[in-house]
Amino acid sequence: MDQLPIEAARELRFRLRDAHFTTFNTLNTIFTGGLVAFLLRQVLEMPAAQRPWLLVLASLLTLIACWSGLFRMLALVRFPSRMSDALLSFGAGAAVYVMVSLLDAGPQVWMRTSAAVAFFGGVGTLNMLRGARMDPFNDDVLPLIERDLRLAAWARLGFVPLMLLLAESGLPDVVLGAAAVAGAVLALVVDDVVWGRSVALTSRPDVLASERQALREAALLGERR
């Protein structure tokens, strides 16, 4: 893993710390009043014997993977507001809404809609990275994490043909449901690996010691004033 200059690593640590609050507060807002509530409503309106629990679990994991990855990225890098970003975000949101709306249509339909979610997620991430390179605010941090974020975007795009192939495979519904859960778990793992690598970049002993020294100097300066 590449070594960071101490100042750049400390800056990334500050952004990571803020990102924890940004991620969890925003996710809580979305989950409370948004798609998860809609997902639960869809499930409760179905007859008990017909509730596709594997698809419900896969949908919930997909929601977490989509939104946690997005807001973690937004906390680390800044990018100009562009129409292309807005359209791709709307497309991802619409695809997730359709995916949840059609839970009772069977795993084949779920696979097709999840392919659309993966497409918008991957293209949206690549488009955000393209915009982030235009902002000097990202000059220190972006080169350190861009490769990992780009790989995560391509991993999401890799789900598109996989889900479409599974949808046309003719496999039993139970097998497709299990594959949906496995795919959603894999998407979460990809996000957590990227996040973990970003955290590891800033956790070297020399970086931590430098941060403590800077905090001590700031405290002493405050006392003198």
Protein backbone atom coordinates (compact mmCIF):
# COMPACT_ATOMS: atom_id res chain seq x y z
CA MET A 1 0.00 0.00 0.00
CA ASP A 2 1.36 3.47 -0.89
CA GLN A 3 2.86 5.55 1.90
CA LEU A 4 1.35 8.98 2.50
CA PRO A 5 3.00 12.24 3.47
CA ILE A 6 2.00 12.85 7.08
CA GLU A 7 0.08 16.05 6.35
CA ALA A 8 -1.95 14.37 3.60
CA ALA A 9 -2.65 11.37 5.82
CA ARG A 10 -3.86 13.59 8.65
CA GLU A 11 -6.16 15.45 6.26
CA LEU A 12 -7.60 12.14 5.10
CA ARG A 13 -8.10 11.08 8.73
CA PHE A 14 -10.15 14.20 9.41
CA ARG A 15 -12.33 13.51 6.38
CA LEU A 16 -12.78 9.87 7.35
CA ARG A 17 -13.85 10.92 10.84
CA ASP A 18 -16.43 13.33 9.42
CA ALA A 19 -17.53 10.66 6.97
CA HIS A 20 -18.65 8.37 9.79
CA PHE A 21 -21.11 11.00 11.00
CA THR A 22 -22.20 11.90 7.47
CA THR A 23 -22.80 8.27 6.53
CA PHE A 24 -24.76 7.15 9.54
CA ASN A 25 -26.84 10.32 9.96
CA THR A 26 -27.82 10.37 6.31
CA LEU A 27 -28.52 6.65 6.17
CA ASN A 28 -30.73 6.96 9.24
CA THR A 29 -32.74 9.73 7.56
CA ILE A 30 -33.16 7.77 4.34
CA PHE A 31 -34.03 4.51 6.07
CA THR A 32 -36.54 6.11 8.43
CA GLY A 33 -38.59 7.95 5.85
CA GLY A 34 -37.70 6.37 2.54
CA LEU A 35 -37.00 3.21 0.71
CA VAL A 36 -36.74 0.81 3.63
CA ALA A 37 -40.15 1.88 4.91
CA PHE A 38 -41.50 1.34 1.40
CA LEU A 39 -39.84 -2.07 1.26
CA LEU A 40 -41.45 -3.13 4.54
CA ARG A 41 -44.82 -1.88 3.37
CA GLN A 42 -44.51 -3.92 0.19
CA VAL A 43 -43.69 -7.03 2.20
CA LEU A 44 -46.51 -6.58 4.69
CA GLU A 45 -49.07 -6.11 1.92
CA MET A 46 -48.19 -9.50 0.43
CA PRO A 47 -49.87 -12.70 1.63
CA ALA A 48 -47.70 -14.28 4.32
CA ALA A 49 -47.15 -17.46 2.31
CA GLN A 50 -45.96 -15.51 -0.74
CA ARG A 51 -43.39 -13.22 0.85
CA PRO A 52 -40.03 -13.68 -0.95
CA TRP A 53 -37.79 -13.39 2.08
CA LEU A 54 -34.56 -13.99 0.16
CA LEU A 55 -35.37 -11.14 -2.22
CA VAL A 56 -36.39 -8.93 0.71
CA LEU A 57 -33.02 -9.55 2.36
CA ALA A 58 -31.18 -8.99 -0.92
CA SER A 59 -33.07 -5.72 -1.46
CA LEU A 60 -32.22 -4.46 2.02
CA LEU A 61 -28.53 -5.30 1.59
CA THR A 62 -28.54 -3.63 -1.83
CA LEU A 63 -29.97 -0.45 -0.34
CA ILE A 64 -27.26 -0.39 2.31
CA ALA A 65 -24.51 -1.02 -0.25
CA CYS A 66 -25.78 1.69 -2.61
CA TRP A 67 -26.28 4.48 -0.12
CA SER A 68 -23.39 3.79 2.27
CA GLY A 69 -20.94 3.76 -0.63
CA LEU A 70 -22.36 6.99 -2.06
CA PHE A 71 -22.30 8.99 1.16
CA ARG A 72 -18.88 7.77 2.19
CA MET A 73 -17.57 8.96 -1.15
CA LEU A 74 -19.32 12.32 -0.78
CA ALA A 75 -17.68 12.76 2.62
CA LEU A 76 -14.17 12.15 1.25
CA VAL A 77 -14.18 14.09 -2.02
CA ARG A 78 -15.89 17.19 -3.33
CA PHE A 79 -17.11 17.54 -6.89
CA PRO A 80 -18.92 20.22 -8.91
CA SER A 81 -22.68 19.88 -9.20
CA ARG A 82 -23.43 18.77 -12.75
CA MET A 83 -26.55 17.69 -14.58
CA SER A 84 -24.98 14.32 -15.43
CA ASP A 85 -24.46 13.52 -11.73
CA ALA A 86 -28.05 14.48 -10.95
CA LEU A 87 -29.46 12.36 -13.78
CA LEU A 88 -27.41 9.32 -12.78
CA SER A 89 -28.49 9.72 -9.14
CA PHE A 90 -32.13 9.97 -10.20
CA GLY A 91 -31.65 6.89 -12.36
CA ALA A 92 -30.19 4.90 -9.47
CA GLY A 93 -33.00 5.97 -7.15
CA ALA A 94 -35.65 5.09 -9.73
CA ALA A 95 -34.07 1.69 -10.36
CA VAL A 96 -34.06 0.89 -6.63
CA TYR A 97 -37.70 2.00 -6.36
CA VAL A 98 -38.70 -0.27 -9.24
CA MET A 99 -36.68 -3.14 -7.76
CA VAL A 100 -38.58 -2.85 -4.47
CA SER A 101 -41.94 -2.31 -6.21
CA LEU A 102 -41.63 -5.53 -8.20
CA LEU A 103 -40.64 -7.85 -5.37
CA ASP A 104 -43.69 -10.02 -6.03
CA ALA A 105 -42.83 -10.40 -9.73
CA GLY A 106 -40.22 -13.08 -9.05
CA PRO A 107 -36.43 -13.31 -8.90
CA GLN A 108 -35.96 -12.99 -12.68
CA VAL A 109 -37.47 -9.50 -12.65
CA TRP A 110 -35.51 -8.65 -9.50
CA MET A 111 -32.28 -9.66 -11.24
CA ARG A 112 -33.02 -7.40 -14.20
CA THR A 113 -33.82 -4.39 -12.03
CA SER A 114 -30.76 -5.00 -9.84
CA ALA A 115 -28.67 -4.93 -13.02
CA ALA A 116 -30.03 -1.42 -13.65
CA VAL A 117 -29.14 -0.43 -10.07
CA ALA A 118 -25.58 -1.74 -10.54
CA PHE A 119 -25.25 0.09 -13.87
CA PHE A 120 -26.28 3.47 -12.48
CA GLY A 121 -24.14 2.93 -9.37
CA GLY A 122 -21.01 2.09 -11.34
CA VAL A 123 -21.39 4.78 -14.00
CA GLY A 124 -22.37 7.32 -11.33
CA THR A 125 -19.20 6.61 -9.34
CA LEU A 126 -16.98 6.95 -12.42
CA ASN A 127 -18.72 10.20 -13.36
CA MET A 128 -18.27 11.62 -9.85
CA LEU A 129 -14.57 10.78 -9.94
CA ARG A 130 -14.26 12.59 -13.26
CA GLY A 131 -15.82 15.68 -11.72
CA ALA A 132 -13.77 15.40 -8.52
CA ARG A 133 -10.52 15.74 -10.47
CA MET A 134 -11.61 19.28 -11.45
CA ASP A 135 -11.71 20.53 -7.83
CA PRO A 136 -8.39 21.57 -6.19
CA PHE A 137 -9.92 20.61 -2.81
CA ASN A 138 -9.28 16.97 -3.76
CA ASP A 139 -5.68 17.34 -4.93
CA ASP A 140 -4.10 15.78 -1.82
CA VAL A 141 -6.57 13.01 -1.09
CA LEU A 142 -8.07 11.92 -4.40
CA PRO A 143 -4.89 10.43 -5.93
CA LEU A 144 -4.59 8.19 -2.86
CA ILE A 145 -8.07 6.68 -3.02
CA GLU A 146 -9.10 7.13 -6.66
CA ARG A 147 -7.79 3.73 -7.74
CA ASP A 148 -9.81 1.90 -5.08
CA LEU A 149 -12.97 3.87 -5.83
CA ARG A 150 -12.53 3.23 -9.54
CA LEU A 151 -12.13 -0.52 -8.94
CA ALA A 152 -15.30 -0.48 -6.83
CA ALA A 153 -17.14 1.24 -9.68
CA TRP A 154 -15.99 -1.38 -12.18
CA ALA A 155 -16.95 -4.14 -9.74
CA ARG A 156 -20.48 -2.70 -9.65
CA LEU A 157 -20.58 -2.62 -13.43
CA GLY A 158 -19.46 -6.24 -13.40
CA PHE A 159 -22.72 -7.14 -11.68
CA VAL A 160 -24.71 -5.97 -14.73
CA PRO A 161 -23.95 -8.89 -17.11
CA LEU A 162 -23.89 -11.33 -14.18
CA MET A 163 -27.41 -10.42 -13.06
CA LEU A 164 -28.74 -10.47 -16.61
CA LEU A 165 -27.23 -13.92 -17.21
CA LEU A 166 -28.79 -15.24 -14.01
CA ALA A 167 -32.16 -13.77 -14.99
CA GLU A 168 -32.08 -15.73 -18.25
CA SER A 169 -30.53 -18.90 -16.83
CA GLY A 170 -33.77 -20.71 -16.00
CA LEU A 171 -32.52 -21.69 -12.54
CA PRO A 172 -35.08 -22.41 -9.78
CA ASP A 173 -36.41 -19.43 -7.86
CA VAL A 174 -34.75 -20.55 -4.62
CA VAL A 175 -31.35 -20.68 -6.29
CA LEU A 176 -31.86 -17.26 -7.86
CA GLY A 177 -32.95 -15.84 -4.51
CA ALA A 178 -29.81 -17.19 -2.84
CA ALA A 179 -27.71 -15.76 -5.68
CA ALA A 180 -29.38 -12.38 -5.16
CA VAL A 181 -28.42 -12.40 -1.47
CA ALA A 182 -24.86 -13.47 -2.31
CA GLY A 183 -24.53 -10.67 -4.87
CA ALA A 184 -25.79 -8.07 -2.40
CA VAL A 185 -23.36 -9.31 0.27
CA LEU A 186 -20.51 -9.13 -2.25
CA ALA A 187 -21.45 -5.53 -3.09
CA LEU A 188 -21.27 -4.68 0.62
CA VAL A 189 -17.89 -6.40 0.92
CA VAL A 190 -16.50 -4.38 -2.00
CA ASP A 191 -17.62 -1.16 -0.33
CA ASP A 192 -16.13 -2.14 3.03
CA VAL A 193 -12.82 -3.21 1.47
CA VAL A 194 -12.44 0.19 -0.21
CA TRP A 195 -13.39 1.95 3.02
CA GLY A 196 -11.00 -0.20 5.05
CA ARG A 197 -8.09 0.53 2.72
CA SER A 198 -8.74 4.26 3.03
CA VAL A 199 -8.70 3.96 6.82
CA ALA A 200 -5.52 1.84 6.74
CA LEU A 201 -3.73 4.53 4.72
CA THR A 202 -4.06 6.88 7.70
CA SER A 203 -3.36 4.47 10.57
CA ARG A 204 0.44 4.26 10.53
CA PRO A 205 2.14 4.99 13.88
CA ASP A 206 3.98 8.04 12.51
CA VAL A 207 0.72 9.57 11.29
CA LEU A 208 -1.01 8.97 14.62
CA ALA A 209 1.96 10.42 16.53
CA SER A 210 1.96 13.48 14.27
CA GLU A 211 -1.74 14.00 14.87
CA ARG A 212 -1.30 13.80 18.65
CA GLN A 213 1.59 16.27 18.50
CA ALA A 214 -0.48 18.71 16.45
CA LEU A 215 -3.34 18.46 18.95
CA ARG A 216 -0.95 19.11 21.86
CA GLU A 217 0.52 22.16 20.10
CA ALA A 218 -2.97 23.49 19.37
CA ALA A 219 -3.95 23.03 23.04
CA LEU A 220 -0.82 24.85 24.24
CA LEU A 221 -1.43 27.69 21.79
CA GLY A 222 -5.00 28.01 23.09
CA GLU A 223 -3.77 28.20 26.70
CA ARG A 224 -1.28 30.95 25.85
CA ARG A 225 -4.02 33.00 24.25
